[in-house]
Protein backbone atom coordinates (compact mmCIF):
# COMPACT_ATOMS: atom_id res chain seq x y z
CA UNK A 1 30.01 65.51 -57.88
CA UNK A 2 30.75 65.43 -54.20
CA UNK A 3 28.17 65.75 -51.48
CA UNK A 4 28.52 68.17 -48.64
CA UNK A 5 26.60 68.34 -45.40
CA UNK A 6 25.23 71.71 -46.48
CA UNK A 7 23.71 70.07 -49.58
CA UNK A 8 22.06 67.44 -47.42
CA UNK A 9 20.77 70.07 -45.00
CA UNK A 10 19.39 72.14 -47.89
CA UNK A 11 17.68 69.06 -49.38
CA UNK A 12 16.07 68.19 -46.03
CA UNK A 13 14.99 71.81 -45.54
CA UNK A 14 13.45 72.01 -49.02
CA UNK A 15 11.69 68.67 -48.51
CA UNK A 16 10.30 69.76 -45.14
CA UNK A 17 9.04 73.05 -46.60
CA UNK A 18 7.46 71.15 -49.50
CA UNK A 19 5.73 68.76 -47.10
CA UNK A 20 4.38 71.65 -45.04
CA UNK A 21 3.09 73.43 -48.17
CA UNK A 22 1.64 70.22 -49.58
CA UNK A 23 3.85 70.28 -52.67
CA UNK A 24 6.11 67.32 -51.89
CA UNK A 25 4.38 64.79 -54.15
CA UNK A 26 4.09 67.36 -56.93
CA UNK A 27 7.83 68.07 -56.75
CA UNK A 28 8.49 64.34 -57.06
CA UNK A 29 6.19 64.32 -60.14
CA UNK A 30 3.86 61.73 -58.60
CA UNK A 31 0.74 63.51 -59.87
CA UNK A 32 0.30 61.07 -62.72
CA UNK A 33 0.06 58.22 -60.18
CA UNK A 34 -2.54 60.02 -58.07
CA UNK A 35 -5.33 57.61 -59.04
CA UNK A 36 -3.17 54.63 -58.09
CA UNK A 37 -2.24 56.19 -54.76
CA UNK A 38 -5.90 56.92 -53.95
CA UNK A 39 -6.88 53.39 -55.00
CA UNK A 40 -4.20 51.95 -52.71
CA UNK A 41 -5.41 54.06 -49.77
CA UNK A 42 -8.96 52.96 -50.49
CA UNK A 43 -7.92 49.29 -50.48
CA UNK A 44 -5.99 49.69 -47.23
CA UNK A 45 -8.97 51.42 -45.64
CA UNK A 46 -11.27 48.65 -46.82
CA UNK A 47 -8.96 45.96 -45.44
CA UNK A 48 -8.77 47.71 -42.06
CA UNK A 49 -12.56 48.13 -41.95
CA UNK A 50 -13.17 44.46 -42.83
CA UNK A 51 -10.71 43.26 -40.19
CA UNK A 52 -12.44 45.41 -37.56
CA UNK A 53 -15.84 44.07 -38.56
CA UNK A 54 -14.53 40.49 -38.44
CA UNK A 55 -13.06 41.05 -35.01
CA UNK A 56 -16.33 42.54 -33.78
CA UNK A 57 -18.28 39.57 -35.13
CA UNK A 58 -15.91 37.09 -33.51
CA UNK A 59 -16.25 38.89 -30.17
CA UNK A 60 -20.04 38.59 -30.44
CA UNK A 61 -19.73 34.88 -31.28
CA UNK A 62 -17.52 34.24 -28.24
CA UNK A 63 -19.95 36.13 -26.01
CA UNK A 64 -22.87 34.11 -27.40
CA UNK A 65 -20.98 30.85 -26.81
CA UNK A 66 -20.32 31.79 -23.19
CA UNK A 67 -23.98 32.74 -22.69
CA UNK A 68 -25.12 29.50 -24.33
CA UNK A 69 -22.89 27.48 -22.02
CA UNK A 70 -24.37 29.24 -18.97
CA UNK A 71 -27.89 28.56 -20.25
CA UNK A 72 -27.06 24.88 -20.82
CA UNK A 73 -25.81 24.60 -17.23
CA UNK A 74 -28.95 26.31 -15.93
CA UNK A 75 -31.14 24.01 -18.05
CA UNK A 76 -29.38 20.92 -16.69
CA UNK A 77 -29.89 22.14 -13.12
CA UNK A 78 -33.58 22.83 -13.70
CA UNK A 79 -34.06 19.44 -15.37
CA UNK A 80 -32.42 17.74 -12.40
CA UNK A 81 -34.60 19.66 -9.94
CA UNK A 82 -37.76 18.81 -11.93
CA UNK A 83 -36.86 15.12 -12.07
CA UNK A 84 -36.06 15.13 -8.36
CA UNK A 85 -39.38 16.81 -7.51
CA UNK A 86 -41.38 14.22 -9.47
CA UNK A 87 -40.18 11.26 -7.42
CA UNK A 88 -42.92 9.58 -5.44
CA UNK A 89 -41.08 9.67 -2.11
CA UNK A 90 -40.26 13.34 -2.51
CA UNK A 91 -43.87 14.19 -3.32
CA UNK A 92 -45.14 12.24 -0.29
CA UNK A 93 -42.59 13.90 2.00
CA UNK A 94 -43.59 17.35 0.78
CA UNK A 95 -47.27 16.62 1.20
CA UNK A 96 -46.76 15.46 4.78
CA UNK A 97 -44.60 18.52 5.53
CA UNK A 98 -47.39 20.75 4.30
CA UNK A 99 -49.94 18.86 6.38
CA UNK A 100 -51.94 17.52 3.45
CA UNK A 101 -54.07 14.41 3.83
CA UNK A 102 -53.55 13.42 0.22
CA UNK A 103 -51.61 10.20 -0.24
CA UNK A 104 -51.30 7.17 -2.45
CA UNK A 105 -54.55 5.34 -3.08
CA UNK A 106 -54.94 2.17 -1.08
CA UNK A 107 -57.32 0.50 -3.52
CA UNK A 108 -57.84 0.88 -7.25
CA UNK A 109 -60.08 3.61 -8.56
CA UNK A 110 -63.73 2.84 -9.17
CA UNK A 111 -64.85 3.13 -12.77
CA UNK A 112 -68.18 4.74 -13.41
CA UNK A 113 -70.31 3.19 -16.11
CA UNK A 114 -70.98 5.37 -19.06
């Protein structure tokens, strides 16, 4: 049997018409494998969904890491400022700037008897 271009054109035309009518798989007698085809599509859909969920979770993790790093930097700055503000010389300088008469005691505190 020899093939002609007209045979190829007719085959393509029939296949296209079958695809448009929705009969292509039935003409190929794939109906008995319908359950397997649906199962395969279900598995592919599940794999795609899981990969999207994983990607979304990883994006959230990266965002949380960046936010945590910013908060650690802010915490370090606040700790430094708090330690700096507690120094005796800094406290005395601030009190004098504000015009306060409070200062370091010159003699020890007097204990009251109970």
